[in-house]
Amino acid sequence: MKYKVGFAVVATLLLLTVVLAPFVVTDMVVHILHPQVNRVYHLVGPGTRPANTRSRLNLAPIALDTWRGTVTLDVSGTHVCRPACPWSDRFFFVSLPQDGQQAEGLPPFQTVTLLPIARAATQQITLPLAGQPIRYPFDSYQLGLGIIMERAWPDGAERVLAGRAASGHLFVSLQAQIPGMTMEAPAARDPRRVGIPDSPCAYAAIALLTFRRPAYQQVLTVLLVLLIGVAAAYAVFMRPLNELVNSVGALILGVWGIRAILVGGSTLPGTTALDLSLFVVIVFLLGAITVRMVHYLAGRSELHLLSHRSPVGEPGPPELEHAPTARESIAMEREGSGHRTTGSH
């Protein structure tokens, strides 16, 4: 019966691997031939006629720290003033909360300032985002990015540009460059529906950014965990106990080595769903070996805790008994045939 169950499980897993293999290969080829860095999304100003005084910004997410819950963006911009203008363009990049009530004050933000005498500038900013790294490789992260545009004069006067006032004065593009992550197309939100209590500031633009693992990485993780689980089950139930005990260390290292293959050079300092899955496989492996050892030792010591009582002198489990050699097998067959011939006379 156990062989039939094993055949059904292995055949199903093999069929699943064959079906998913083309999808994995196709998705990997797409990521290699069409890298995400080549995709540019225009958040603000596409199709709008540029004003004489305008700022053009490009946002490039370049790093994502899943356990700290932060994303680093490289902000590069140009400031055009025709004729020369005395003010500076200051931009507040705000991380909007995803769930729950709005906290008091302005949400976490960082600023980038384009001076009137500087036509180009670049700066890195770090913003918090929402996500659950324990779900790796099915984890996803969301950044509600709000942009506030403000003009600041040398005498301290300030003016916020939003809505129609910012039209033609602000152009923003987005270009993801995070290795090992894919970014979905930004989802625009109506900035007029998101206010800031007791503040004259208003958002010029709001976009929801979502980062996920590549689909091929998710499928490969599931397949490899299932395959290593089947290999561990085969070792536990099909291999002789003495061989299993001698190779248990190598089996555990092989199971845990799957993590290094799937994670690669990534740093995962915490426990993820992948780790929990491999923990289950290792606990199953050690627990099943322990049960088999208890069963064997109970039979050899005539305790018979887990099986029916056997006659005294009955040999132990075949996996630890001496297997007859080929010469001994031939001699036993000849001896048996001699007994049958004598009995017939």
C-alpha atoms as a PDB file:
ATOM      1  CA  MET A   1       0.000   0.000   0.000  1.00  0.00           C
ATOM      2  CA  LYS A   2       2.774   2.434   0.894  1.00  0.00           C
ATOM      3  CA  TYR A   3       4.354   1.925  -2.536  1.00  0.00           C
ATOM      4  CA  LYS A   4       1.091   2.881  -4.251  1.00  0.00           C
ATOM      5  CA  VAL A   5       0.771   6.016  -2.122  1.00  0.00           C
ATOM      6  CA  GLY A   6       4.400   6.898  -2.806  1.00  0.00           C
ATOM      7  CA  PHE A   7       3.939   6.374  -6.539  1.00  0.00           C
ATOM      8  CA  ALA A   8       0.866   8.643  -6.571  1.00  0.00           C
ATOM      9  CA  VAL A   9       2.662  11.412  -4.651  1.00  0.00           C
ATOM     10  CA  VAL A  10       5.831  11.302  -6.733  1.00  0.00           C
ATOM     11  CA  ALA A  11       3.937  11.075 -10.035  1.00  0.00           C
ATOM     12  CA  THR A  12       1.777  14.070  -9.075  1.00  0.00           C
ATOM     13  CA  LEU A  13       4.817  16.119  -8.122  1.00  0.00           C
ATOM     14  CA  LEU A  14       6.569  15.162 -11.352  1.00  0.00           C
ATOM     15  CA  LEU A  15       3.525  16.178 -13.388  1.00  0.00           C
ATOM     16  CA  LEU A  16       3.352  19.501 -11.520  1.00  0.00           C
ATOM     17  CA  THR A  17       7.043  20.130 -12.252  1.00  0.00           C
ATOM     18  CA  VAL A  18       6.611  19.393 -15.955  1.00  0.00           C
ATOM     19  CA  VAL A  19       3.583  21.698 -16.194  1.00  0.00           C
ATOM     20  CA  LEU A  20       5.231  24.617 -14.369  1.00  0.00           C
ATOM     21  CA  ALA A  21       8.677  24.329 -15.965  1.00  0.00           C
ATOM     22  CA  PRO A  22       7.735  26.232 -19.184  1.00  0.00           C
ATOM     23  CA  PHE A  23       6.221  29.065 -17.126  1.00  0.00           C
ATOM     24  CA  VAL A  24       9.357  29.345 -14.982  1.00  0.00           C
ATOM     25  CA  VAL A  25      11.679  29.382 -17.987  1.00  0.00           C
ATOM     26  CA  THR A  26       9.531  31.928 -19.831  1.00  0.00           C
ATOM     27  CA  ASP A  27       9.342  34.286 -16.860  1.00  0.00           C
ATOM     28  CA  MET A  28      13.110  34.068 -16.307  1.00  0.00           C
ATOM     29  CA  VAL A  29      13.807  34.838 -19.978  1.00  0.00           C
ATOM     30  CA  VAL A  30      11.476  37.846 -19.862  1.00  0.00           C
ATOM     31  CA  HIS A  31      13.272  39.239 -16.810  1.00  0.00           C
ATOM     32  CA  ILE A  32      16.647  38.750 -18.485  1.00  0.00           C
ATOM     33  CA  LEU A  33      15.786  40.150 -21.919  1.00  0.00           C
ATOM     34  CA  HIS A  34      13.472  42.921 -20.689  1.00  0.00           C
ATOM     35  CA  PRO A  35      14.872  44.196 -17.372  1.00  0.00           C
ATOM     36  CA  GLN A  36      12.649  46.382 -15.260  1.00  0.00           C
ATOM     37  CA  VAL A  37      15.116  49.270 -15.391  1.00  0.00           C
ATOM     38  CA  ASN A  38      14.022  49.877 -18.988  1.00  0.00           C
ATOM     39  CA  ARG A  39      10.461  50.714 -17.893  1.00  0.00           C
ATOM     40  CA  VAL A  40       9.748  54.353 -17.179  1.00  0.00           C
ATOM     41  CA  TYR A  41       6.456  55.457 -15.598  1.00  0.00           C
ATOM     42  CA  HIS A  42       5.346  59.098 -15.732  1.00  0.00           C
ATOM     43  CA  LEU A  43       3.610  60.072 -12.498  1.00  0.00           C
ATOM     44  CA  VAL A  44       3.111  63.808 -12.986  1.00  0.00           C
ATOM     45  CA  GLY A  45       2.837  65.964 -16.068  1.00  0.00           C
ATOM     46  CA  PRO A  46       2.596  63.586 -19.048  1.00  0.00           C
ATOM     47  CA  GLY A  47       1.027  65.433 -21.960  1.00  0.00           C
ATOM     48  CA  THR A  48       1.128  68.771 -20.123  1.00  0.00           C
ATOM     49  CA  ARG A  49       2.687  71.823 -21.754  1.00  0.00           C
ATOM     50  CA  PRO A  50       5.844  72.845 -19.831  1.00  0.00           C
ATOM     51  CA  ALA A  51       5.832  76.220 -18.135  1.00  0.00           C
ATOM     52  CA  ASN A  52       8.777  78.635 -18.323  1.00  0.00           C
ATOM     53  CA  THR A  53       9.712  77.764 -14.730  1.00  0.00           C
ATOM     54  CA  ARG A  54       9.568  74.045 -14.130  1.00  0.00           C
ATOM     55  CA  SER A  55      11.202  71.161 -12.310  1.00  0.00           C
ATOM     56  CA  ARG A  56      11.736  67.695 -13.714  1.00  0.00           C
ATOM     57  CA  LEU A  57      12.342  64.840 -11.261  1.00  0.00           C
ATOM     58  CA  ASN A  58      13.167  61.192 -11.774  1.00  0.00           C
ATOM     59  CA  LEU A  59      12.637  58.764  -8.869  1.00  0.00           C
ATOM     60  CA  ALA A  60      14.565  55.495  -8.907  1.00  0.00           C
ATOM     61  CA  PRO A  61      13.944  52.971  -6.089  1.00  0.00           C
ATOM     62  CA  ILE A  62      17.365  51.330  -5.754  1.00  0.00           C
ATOM     63  CA  ALA A  63      17.238  49.350  -2.484  1.00  0.00           C
ATOM     64  CA  LEU A  64      14.608  47.783  -0.264  1.00  0.00           C
ATOM     65  CA  ASP A  65      15.313  46.726   3.321  1.00  0.00           C
ATOM     66  CA  THR A  66      12.491  44.311   4.058  1.00  0.00           C
ATOM     67  CA  TRP A  67      13.225  43.816   7.754  1.00  0.00           C
ATOM     68  CA  ARG A  68      13.616  47.498   8.546  1.00  0.00           C
ATOM     69  CA  GLY A  69      10.680  48.316   6.313  1.00  0.00           C
ATOM     70  CA  THR A  70      12.400  51.024   4.285  1.00  0.00           C
ATOM     71  CA  VAL A  71      13.009  51.802   0.628  1.00  0.00           C
ATOM     72  CA  THR A  72      15.812  53.977  -0.732  1.00  0.00           C
ATOM     73  CA  LEU A  73      15.118  56.208  -3.718  1.00  0.00           C
ATOM     74  CA  ASP A  74      17.612  58.042  -5.866  1.00  0.00           C
ATOM     75  CA  VAL A  75      16.105  61.440  -6.717  1.00  0.00           C
ATOM     76  CA  SER A  76      17.632  63.356  -9.630  1.00  0.00           C
ATOM     77  CA  GLY A  77      16.197  66.565 -10.984  1.00  0.00           C
ATOM     78  CA  THR A  78      16.639  69.616 -13.125  1.00  0.00           C
ATOM     79  CA  HIS A  79      15.357  73.114 -12.370  1.00  0.00           C
ATOM     80  CA  VAL A  80      14.577  75.404 -15.297  1.00  0.00           C
ATOM     81  CA  CYS A  81      13.988  79.136 -14.741  1.00  0.00           C
ATOM     82  CA  ARG A  82      13.342  81.321 -17.800  1.00  0.00           C
ATOM     83  CA  PRO A  83      13.986  84.087 -17.014  1.00  0.00           C
ATOM     84  CA  ALA A  84      16.100  83.620 -13.884  1.00  0.00           C
ATOM     85  CA  CYS A  85      13.971  83.125 -10.764  1.00  0.00           C
ATOM     86  CA  PRO A  86      14.854  83.968  -7.143  1.00  0.00           C
ATOM     87  CA  TRP A  87      13.024  81.072  -5.510  1.00  0.00           C
ATOM     88  CA  SER A  88      13.968  77.479  -4.813  1.00  0.00           C
ATOM     89  CA  ASP A  89      11.729  74.525  -5.518  1.00  0.00           C
ATOM     90  CA  ARG A  90      11.410  72.322  -2.420  1.00  0.00           C
ATOM     91  CA  PHE A  91       9.811  68.885  -2.608  1.00  0.00           C
ATOM     92  CA  PHE A  92       8.456  66.847   0.289  1.00  0.00           C
ATOM     93  CA  PHE A  93       8.363  63.110  -0.416  1.00  0.00           C
ATOM     94  CA  VAL A  94       5.867  61.673   2.053  1.00  0.00           C
ATOM     95  CA  SER A  95       5.240  58.037   2.997  1.00  0.00           C
ATOM     96  CA  LEU A  96       1.483  57.835   3.433  1.00  0.00           C
ATOM     97  CA  PRO A  97       0.046  55.309   5.944  1.00  0.00           C
ATOM     98  CA  GLN A  98      -1.541  52.225   4.414  1.00  0.00           C
ATOM     99  CA  ASP A  99      -3.998  51.152   7.106  1.00  0.00           C
ATOM    100  CA  GLY A 100      -5.410  52.451  10.308  1.00  0.00           C
ATOM    101  CA  GLN A 101      -6.058  55.997  11.427  1.00  0.00           C
ATOM    102  CA  GLN A 102      -4.043  58.979  10.324  1.00  0.00           C
ATOM    103  CA  ALA A 103      -1.400  59.886  12.898  1.00  0.00           C
ATOM    104  CA  GLU A 104      -1.059  63.461  14.064  1.00  0.00           C
ATOM    105  CA  GLY A 105       1.057  65.765  11.954  1.00  0.00           C
ATOM    106  CA  LEU A 106       2.680  65.122   8.599  1.00  0.00           C
ATOM    107  CA  PRO A 107       3.565  61.449   7.890  1.00  0.00           C
ATOM    108  CA  PRO A 108       7.266  60.508   7.581  1.00  0.00           C
ATOM    109  CA  PHE A 109       8.923  62.487   4.802  1.00  0.00           C
ATOM    110  CA  GLN A 110      12.218  63.687   3.354  1.00  0.00           C
ATOM    111  CA  THR A 111      12.920  66.809   1.358  1.00  0.00           C
ATOM    112  CA  VAL A 112      14.831  67.594  -1.818  1.00  0.00           C
ATOM    113  CA  THR A 113      15.575  71.218  -2.751  1.00  0.00           C
ATOM    114  CA  LEU A 114      16.450  72.536  -6.196  1.00  0.00           C
ATOM    115  CA  LEU A 115      18.211  75.882  -5.807  1.00  0.00           C
ATOM    116  CA  PRO A 116      17.677  78.629  -8.382  1.00  0.00           C
ATOM    117  CA  ILE A 117      21.373  78.666  -9.266  1.00  0.00           C
ATOM    118  CA  ALA A 118      21.617  74.879  -9.562  1.00  0.00           C
ATOM    119  CA  ARG A 119      20.157  73.455 -12.721  1.00  0.00           C
ATOM    120  CA  ALA A 120      20.657  69.835 -11.727  1.00  0.00           C
ATOM    121  CA  ALA A 121      20.828  67.921  -8.447  1.00  0.00           C
ATOM    122  CA  THR A 122      20.793  64.378  -7.157  1.00  0.00           C
ATOM    123  CA  GLN A 123      20.036  63.041  -3.683  1.00  0.00           C
ATOM    124  CA  GLN A 124      19.136  59.761  -1.981  1.00  0.00           C
ATOM    125  CA  ILE A 125      16.166  59.574   0.372  1.00  0.00           C
ATOM    126  CA  THR A 126      14.829  56.753   2.552  1.00  0.00           C
ATOM    127  CA  LEU A 127      11.131  56.279   3.308  1.00  0.00           C
ATOM    128  CA  PRO A 128       9.218  53.674   5.356  1.00  0.00           C
ATOM    129  CA  LEU A 129       6.900  51.238   3.611  1.00  0.00           C
ATOM    130  CA  ALA A 130       4.445  48.511   4.617  1.00  0.00           C
ATOM    131  CA  GLY A 131       4.977  44.775   4.164  1.00  0.00           C
ATOM    132  CA  GLN A 132       5.387  41.376   5.825  1.00  0.00           C
ATOM    133  CA  PRO A 133       8.842  39.835   5.133  1.00  0.00           C
ATOM    134  CA  ILE A 134       7.829  36.619   6.935  1.00  0.00           C
ATOM    135  CA  ARG A 135       5.766  35.731   3.847  1.00  0.00           C
ATOM    136  CA  TYR A 136       8.886  35.344   1.669  1.00  0.00           C
ATOM    137  CA  PRO A 137       8.826  34.556  -1.247  1.00  0.00           C
ATOM    138  CA  PHE A 138       5.175  35.674  -1.405  1.00  0.00           C
ATOM    139  CA  ASP A 139       5.892  38.928   0.431  1.00  0.00           C
ATOM    140  CA  SER A 140       4.866  42.263  -1.046  1.00  0.00           C
ATOM    141  CA  TYR A 141       5.549  45.839   0.009  1.00  0.00           C
ATOM    142  CA  GLN A 142       3.558  49.019  -0.544  1.00  0.00           C
ATOM    143  CA  LEU A 143       4.660  52.627  -0.519  1.00  0.00           C
ATOM    144  CA  GLY A 144       2.040  55.338  -0.659  1.00  0.00           C
ATOM    145  CA  LEU A 145       4.178  58.115  -2.118  1.00  0.00           C
ATOM    146  CA  GLY A 146       2.907  61.644  -1.757  1.00  0.00           C
ATOM    147  CA  ILE A 147       4.684  64.631  -3.346  1.00  0.00           C
ATOM    148  CA  ILE A 148       4.323  68.164  -2.029  1.00  0.00           C
ATOM    149  CA  MET A 149       5.776  71.001  -4.096  1.00  0.00           C
ATOM    150  CA  GLU A 150       6.713  74.248  -2.375  1.00  0.00           C
ATOM    151  CA  ARG A 151       8.427  77.389  -3.577  1.00  0.00           C
ATOM    152  CA  ALA A 152      10.643  79.178  -1.089  1.00  0.00           C
ATOM    153  CA  TRP A 153      11.945  82.736  -1.454  1.00  0.00           C
ATOM    154  CA  PRO A 154      15.117  84.064   0.200  1.00  0.00           C
ATOM    155  CA  ASP A 155      13.064  86.294   2.538  1.00  0.00           C
ATOM    156  CA  GLY A 156      11.325  83.237   4.006  1.00  0.00           C
ATOM    157  CA  ALA A 157       8.109  83.423   2.029  1.00  0.00           C
ATOM    158  CA  GLU A 158       6.673  80.091   0.919  1.00  0.00           C
ATOM    159  CA  ARG A 159       4.000  78.993  -1.517  1.00  0.00           C
ATOM    160  CA  VAL A 160       2.585  75.499  -2.019  1.00  0.00           C
ATOM    161  CA  LEU A 161       1.798  74.449  -5.578  1.00  0.00           C
ATOM    162  CA  ALA A 162      -0.914  71.835  -5.996  1.00  0.00           C
ATOM    163  CA  GLY A 163      -3.583  70.959  -8.508  1.00  0.00           C
ATOM    164  CA  ARG A 164      -3.777  73.436 -11.390  1.00  0.00           C
ATOM    165  CA  ALA A 165      -1.122  75.644  -9.795  1.00  0.00           C
ATOM    166  CA  ALA A 166       1.442  72.847 -10.231  1.00  0.00           C
ATOM    167  CA  SER A 167       0.366  71.964 -13.779  1.00  0.00           C
ATOM    168  CA  GLY A 168       3.254  72.514 -16.160  1.00  0.00           C
ATOM    169  CA  HIS A 169       5.640  73.330 -13.295  1.00  0.00           C
ATOM    170  CA  LEU A 170       6.247  69.753 -12.141  1.00  0.00           C
ATOM    171  CA  PHE A 171       7.129  66.613 -14.094  1.00  0.00           C
ATOM    172  CA  VAL A 172       7.906  63.346 -12.277  1.00  0.00           C
ATOM    173  CA  SER A 173       8.966  59.978 -13.700  1.00  0.00           C
ATOM    174  CA  LEU A 174       9.660  56.674 -11.952  1.00  0.00           C
ATOM    175  CA  GLN A 175      12.164  53.967 -12.837  1.00  0.00           C
ATOM    176  CA  ALA A 176      12.590  50.912 -10.559  1.00  0.00           C
ATOM    177  CA  GLN A 177      16.096  49.500 -10.112  1.00  0.00           C
ATOM    178  CA  ILE A 178      15.772  47.111  -7.137  1.00  0.00           C
ATOM    179  CA  PRO A 179      17.523  43.757  -7.763  1.00  0.00           C
ATOM    180  CA  GLY A 180      15.422  40.682  -7.079  1.00  0.00           C
ATOM    181  CA  MET A 181      12.151  42.620  -6.905  1.00  0.00           C
ATOM    182  CA  THR A 182       9.562  43.628  -9.466  1.00  0.00           C
ATOM    183  CA  MET A 183       7.524  46.806  -9.251  1.00  0.00           C
ATOM    184  CA  GLU A 184       3.974  46.941 -10.509  1.00  0.00           C
ATOM    185  CA  ALA A 185       2.779  49.908 -12.546  1.00  0.00           C
ATOM    186  CA  PRO A 186       2.160  52.795 -10.118  1.00  0.00           C
ATOM    187  CA  ALA A 187      -1.476  53.327  -9.187  1.00  0.00           C
ATOM    188  CA  ALA A 188      -2.361  57.035  -9.139  1.00  0.00           C
ATOM    189  CA  ARG A 189      -4.547  58.412  -6.346  1.00  0.00           C
ATOM    190  CA  ASP A 190      -6.541  61.632  -6.267  1.00  0.00           C
ATOM    191  CA  PRO A 191      -4.492  64.026  -4.090  1.00  0.00           C
ATOM    192  CA  ARG A 192      -7.572  66.155  -3.358  1.00  0.00           C
ATOM    193  CA  ARG A 193      -9.017  63.324  -1.260  1.00  0.00           C
ATOM    194  CA  VAL A 194      -6.015  63.129   1.037  1.00  0.00           C
ATOM    195  CA  GLY A 195      -5.688  66.106   3.303  1.00  0.00           C
ATOM    196  CA  ILE A 196      -3.196  67.069   5.977  1.00  0.00           C
ATOM    197  CA  PRO A 197      -4.909  68.247   9.185  1.00  0.00           C
ATOM    198  CA  ASP A 198      -4.097  71.820  10.281  1.00  0.00           C
ATOM    199  CA  SER A 199      -1.565  72.293   7.498  1.00  0.00           C
ATOM    200  CA  PRO A 200      -1.501  74.588   4.458  1.00  0.00           C
ATOM    201  CA  CYS A 201       0.304  71.866   2.514  1.00  0.00           C
ATOM    202  CA  ALA A 202      -1.451  69.920  -0.217  1.00  0.00           C
ATOM    203  CA  TYR A 203      -0.264  67.037  -2.302  1.00  0.00           C
ATOM    204  CA  ALA A 204       0.651  67.688  -5.914  1.00  0.00           C
ATOM    205  CA  ALA A 205       0.565  63.951  -6.668  1.00  0.00           C
ATOM    206  CA  ILE A 206       0.018  60.612  -4.919  1.00  0.00           C
ATOM    207  CA  ALA A 207       0.950  57.173  -6.245  1.00  0.00           C
ATOM    208  CA  LEU A 208       0.819  53.699  -4.729  1.00  0.00           C
ATOM    209  CA  LEU A 209       3.964  51.661  -5.433  1.00  0.00           C
ATOM    210  CA  THR A 210       3.902  47.874  -4.947  1.00  0.00           C
ATOM    211  CA  PHE A 211       7.003  45.663  -4.934  1.00  0.00           C
ATOM    212  CA  ARG A 212       6.922  41.851  -5.223  1.00  0.00           C
ATOM    213  CA  ARG A 213       9.223  38.899  -5.821  1.00  0.00           C
ATOM    214  CA  PRO A 214       9.435  37.621  -9.410  1.00  0.00           C
ATOM    215  CA  ALA A 215       6.866  34.936 -10.201  1.00  0.00           C
ATOM    216  CA  TYR A 216       9.519  32.403 -11.242  1.00  0.00           C
ATOM    217  CA  GLN A 217      11.193  32.745  -7.827  1.00  0.00           C
ATOM    218  CA  GLN A 218       7.924  31.990  -6.051  1.00  0.00           C
ATOM    219  CA  VAL A 219       7.240  28.897  -8.192  1.00  0.00           C
ATOM    220  CA  LEU A 220      10.806  27.590  -7.838  1.00  0.00           C
ATOM    221  CA  THR A 221      10.638  27.974  -4.062  1.00  0.00           C
ATOM    222  CA  VAL A 222       7.460  25.905  -3.806  1.00  0.00           C
ATOM    223  CA  LEU A 223       8.759  23.202  -6.158  1.00  0.00           C
ATOM    224  CA  LEU A 224      12.121  22.857  -4.419  1.00  0.00           C
ATOM    225  CA  VAL A 225      10.542  22.638  -0.956  1.00  0.00           C
ATOM    226  CA  LEU A 226       8.136  19.944  -2.189  1.00  0.00           C
ATOM    227  CA  LEU A 227      10.926  18.016  -3.910  1.00  0.00           C
ATOM    228  CA  ILE A 228      13.202  18.080  -0.864  1.00  0.00           C
ATOM    229  CA  GLY A 229      10.239  17.006   1.273  1.00  0.00           C
ATOM    230  CA  VAL A 230       9.562  14.003  -0.993  1.00  0.00           C
ATOM    231  CA  ALA A 231      13.281  13.112  -0.954  1.00  0.00           C
ATOM    232  CA  ALA A 232      13.276  13.224   2.855  1.00  0.00           C
ATOM    233  CA  ALA A 233      10.150  11.038   3.006  1.00  0.00           C
ATOM    234  CA  TYR A 234      11.736   8.491   0.653  1.00  0.00           C
ATOM    235  CA  ALA A 235      14.879   8.376   2.810  1.00  0.00           C
ATOM    236  CA  VAL A 236      12.840   7.881   5.979  1.00  0.00           C
ATOM    237  CA  PHE A 237      10.466   5.172   4.757  1.00  0.00           C
ATOM    238  CA  MET A 238      12.420   3.363   2.048  1.00  0.00           C
ATOM    239  CA  ARG A 239      16.063   3.289   3.109  1.00  0.00           C
ATOM    240  CA  PRO A 240      17.405   0.784   5.662  1.00  0.00           C
ATOM    241  CA  LEU A 241      17.613   2.183   9.181  1.00  0.00           C
ATOM    242  CA  ASN A 242      21.383   1.791   9.504  1.00  0.00           C
ATOM    243  CA  GLU A 243      21.994   3.743   6.292  1.00  0.00           C
ATOM    244  CA  LEU A 244      19.473   6.357   7.352  1.00  0.00           C
ATOM    245  CA  VAL A 245      21.140   6.905  10.725  1.00  0.00           C
ATOM    246  CA  ASN A 246      24.576   7.198   9.135  1.00  0.00           C
ATOM    247  CA  SER A 247      23.423   9.761   6.579  1.00  0.00           C
ATOM    248  CA  VAL A 248      21.048  11.850   8.711  1.00  0.00           C
ATOM    249  CA  GLY A 249      23.575  14.688   8.979  1.00  0.00           C
ATOM    250  CA  ALA A 250      23.977  14.902   5.218  1.00  0.00           C
ATOM    251  CA  LEU A 251      20.192  14.842   4.784  1.00  0.00           C
ATOM    252  CA  ILE A 252      19.707  17.775   7.152  1.00  0.00           C
ATOM    253  CA  LEU A 253      22.463  19.763   5.453  1.00  0.00           C
ATOM    254  CA  GLY A 254      20.865  19.002   2.098  1.00  0.00           C
ATOM    255  CA  VAL A 255      17.468  20.238   3.283  1.00  0.00           C
ATOM    256  CA  TRP A 256      18.907  23.444   4.727  1.00  0.00           C
ATOM    257  CA  GLY A 257      21.071  23.931   1.642  1.00  0.00           C
ATOM    258  CA  ILE A 258      17.876  24.582  -0.323  1.00  0.00           C
ATOM    259  CA  ARG A 259      17.578  27.870   1.571  1.00  0.00           C
ATOM    260  CA  ALA A 260      20.959  29.054   0.297  1.00  0.00           C
ATOM    261  CA  ILE A 261      19.927  28.150  -3.264  1.00  0.00           C
ATOM    262  CA  LEU A 262      16.637  30.033  -3.067  1.00  0.00           C
ATOM    263  CA  VAL A 263      17.806  33.062  -1.122  1.00  0.00           C
ATOM    264  CA  GLY A 264      21.104  33.436  -2.974  1.00  0.00           C
ATOM    265  CA  GLY A 265      22.990  36.546  -1.934  1.00  0.00           C
ATOM    266  CA  SER A 266      19.986  38.117  -0.219  1.00  0.00           C
ATOM    267  CA  THR A 267      20.129  38.858   3.476  1.00  0.00           C
ATOM    268  CA  LEU A 268      17.173  37.487   5.422  1.00  0.00           C
ATOM    269  CA  PRO A 269      18.011  38.049   9.105  1.00  0.00           C
ATOM    270  CA  GLY A 270      14.570  36.943  10.307  1.00  0.00           C
ATOM    271  CA  THR A 271      12.390  33.853  10.024  1.00  0.00           C
ATOM    272  CA  THR A 272      10.349  33.560   6.839  1.00  0.00           C
ATOM    273  CA  ALA A 273       7.741  31.157   5.489  1.00  0.00           C
ATOM    274  CA  LEU A 274      10.551  29.419   3.591  1.00  0.00           C
ATOM    275  CA  ASP A 275      12.456  28.836   6.840  1.00  0.00           C
ATOM    276  CA  LEU A 276       9.329  27.508   8.546  1.00  0.00           C
ATOM    277  CA  SER A 277       8.709  25.081   5.658  1.00  0.00           C
ATOM    278  CA  LEU A 278      12.269  23.750   5.873  1.00  0.00           C
ATOM    279  CA  PHE A 279      11.945  23.510   9.672  1.00  0.00           C
ATOM    280  CA  VAL A 280       8.884  21.288   9.181  1.00  0.00           C
ATOM    281  CA  VAL A 281      10.807  19.029   6.782  1.00  0.00           C
ATOM    282  CA  ILE A 282      13.743  18.700   9.200  1.00  0.00           C
ATOM    283  CA  VAL A 283      11.473  18.004  12.196  1.00  0.00           C
ATOM    284  CA  PHE A 284       9.600  15.396  10.145  1.00  0.00           C
ATOM    285  CA  LEU A 285      12.913  13.792   9.139  1.00  0.00           C
ATOM    286  CA  LEU A 286      14.301  13.592  12.667  1.00  0.00           C
ATOM    287  CA  GLY A 287      10.968  12.609  14.199  1.00  0.00           C
ATOM    288  CA  ALA A 288      10.395   9.756  11.730  1.00  0.00           C
ATOM    289  CA  ILE A 289      13.940   8.459  12.271  1.00  0.00           C
ATOM    290  CA  THR A 290      13.365   8.519  16.033  1.00  0.00           C
ATOM    291  CA  VAL A 291      10.102   6.570  15.679  1.00  0.00           C
ATOM    292  CA  ARG A 292      11.802   3.930  13.542  1.00  0.00           C
ATOM    293  CA  MET A 293      14.649   3.609  16.047  1.00  0.00           C
ATOM    294  CA  VAL A 294      12.230   3.245  18.963  1.00  0.00           C
ATOM    295  CA  HIS A 295      10.291   0.592  17.030  1.00  0.00           C
ATOM    296  CA  TYR A 296      13.466  -1.320  16.244  1.00  0.00           C
ATOM    297  CA  LEU A 297      14.958  -1.134  19.756  1.00  0.00           C
ATOM    298  CA  ALA A 298      11.658  -2.126  21.359  1.00  0.00           C
ATOM    299  CA  GLY A 299      11.511  -5.221  19.163  1.00  0.00           C
ATOM    300  CA  ARG A 300      15.133  -6.187  19.850  1.00  0.00           C
ATOM    301  CA  SER A 301      14.683  -5.731  23.597  1.00  0.00           C
ATOM    302  CA  GLU A 302      11.421  -7.746  23.514  1.00  0.00           C
ATOM    303  CA  LEU A 303       9.466  -4.802  24.950  1.00  0.00           C
ATOM    304  CA  HIS A 304       7.065  -4.788  21.993  1.00  0.00           C
ATOM    305  CA  LEU A 305       5.744  -1.321  22.752  1.00  0.00           C
ATOM    306  CA  LEU A 306       4.726  -0.493  19.226  1.00  0.00           C
ATOM    307  CA  SER A 307       4.080  -3.888  17.635  1.00  0.00           C
ATOM    308  CA  HIS A 308       2.551  -7.286  18.399  1.00  0.00           C
ATOM    309  CA  ARG A 309       4.554  -9.781  20.409  1.00  0.00           C
ATOM    310  CA  SER A 310       6.874 -11.933  18.317  1.00  0.00           C
ATOM    311  CA  PRO A 311       8.130 -15.403  19.189  1.00  0.00           C
ATOM    312  CA  VAL A 312      11.378 -15.572  21.107  1.00  0.00           C
ATOM    313  CA  GLY A 313      14.340 -15.722  18.786  1.00  0.00           C
ATOM    314  CA  GLU A 314      12.582 -13.972  15.875  1.00  0.00           C
ATOM    315  CA  PRO A 315      15.127 -11.947  13.900  1.00  0.00           C
ATOM    316  CA  GLY A 316      15.038  -8.155  14.077  1.00  0.00           C
ATOM    317  CA  PRO A 317      14.090  -5.796  11.261  1.00  0.00           C
ATOM    318  CA  PRO A 318      15.671  -6.786   7.973  1.00  0.00           C
ATOM    319  CA  GLU A 319      17.372  -3.447   7.437  1.00  0.00           C
ATOM    320  CA  LEU A 320      19.941  -4.164  10.218  1.00  0.00           C
ATOM    321  CA  GLU A 321      20.371  -7.889   9.548  1.00  0.00           C
ATOM    322  CA  HIS A 322      23.226  -9.271   7.487  1.00  0.00           C
ATOM    323  CA  ALA A 323      22.164  -9.490   3.849  1.00  0.00           C
ATOM    324  CA  PRO A 324      23.224 -12.796   2.163  1.00  0.00           C
ATOM    325  CA  THR A 325      25.860 -12.547  -0.506  1.00  0.00           C
ATOM    326  CA  ALA A 326      25.329 -13.794  -4.052  1.00  0.00           C
ATOM    327  CA  ARG A 327      27.273 -17.032  -3.343  1.00  0.00           C
ATOM    328  CA  GLU A 328      25.222 -17.719  -0.230  1.00  0.00           C
ATOM    329  CA  SER A 329      21.993 -17.132  -2.169  1.00  0.00           C
ATOM    330  CA  ILE A 330      23.011 -19.680  -4.838  1.00  0.00           C
ATOM    331  CA  ALA A 331      23.910 -22.244  -2.172  1.00  0.00           C
ATOM    332  CA  MET A 332      20.574 -21.728  -0.449  1.00  0.00           C
ATOM    333  CA  GLU A 333      18.715 -22.220  -3.743  1.00  0.00           C
ATOM    334  CA  ARG A 334      20.621 -25.477  -4.435  1.00  0.00           C
ATOM    335  CA  GLU A 335      19.941 -26.731  -0.931  1.00  0.00           C
ATOM    336  CA  GLY A 336      16.230 -25.970  -1.340  1.00  0.00           C
ATOM    337  CA  SER A 337      16.060 -27.758  -4.694  1.00  0.00           C
ATOM    338  CA  GLY A 338      17.784 -30.825  -3.135  1.00  0.00           C
ATOM    339  CA  HIS A 339      15.191 -30.962  -0.385  1.00  0.00           C
ATOM    340  CA  ARG A 340      12.377 -30.805  -2.937  1.00  0.00           C
ATOM    341  CA  THR A 341      13.934 -33.654  -4.965  1.00  0.00           C
ATOM    342  CA  THR A 342      14.321 -35.871  -1.861  1.00  0.00           C
ATOM    343  CA  GLY A 343      10.751 -35.192  -0.816  1.00  0.00           C
ATOM    344  CA  SER A 344       9.455 -36.224  -4.237  1.00  0.00           C
ATOM    345  CA  HIS A 345      11.165 -39.662  -3.951  1.00  0.00           C
END
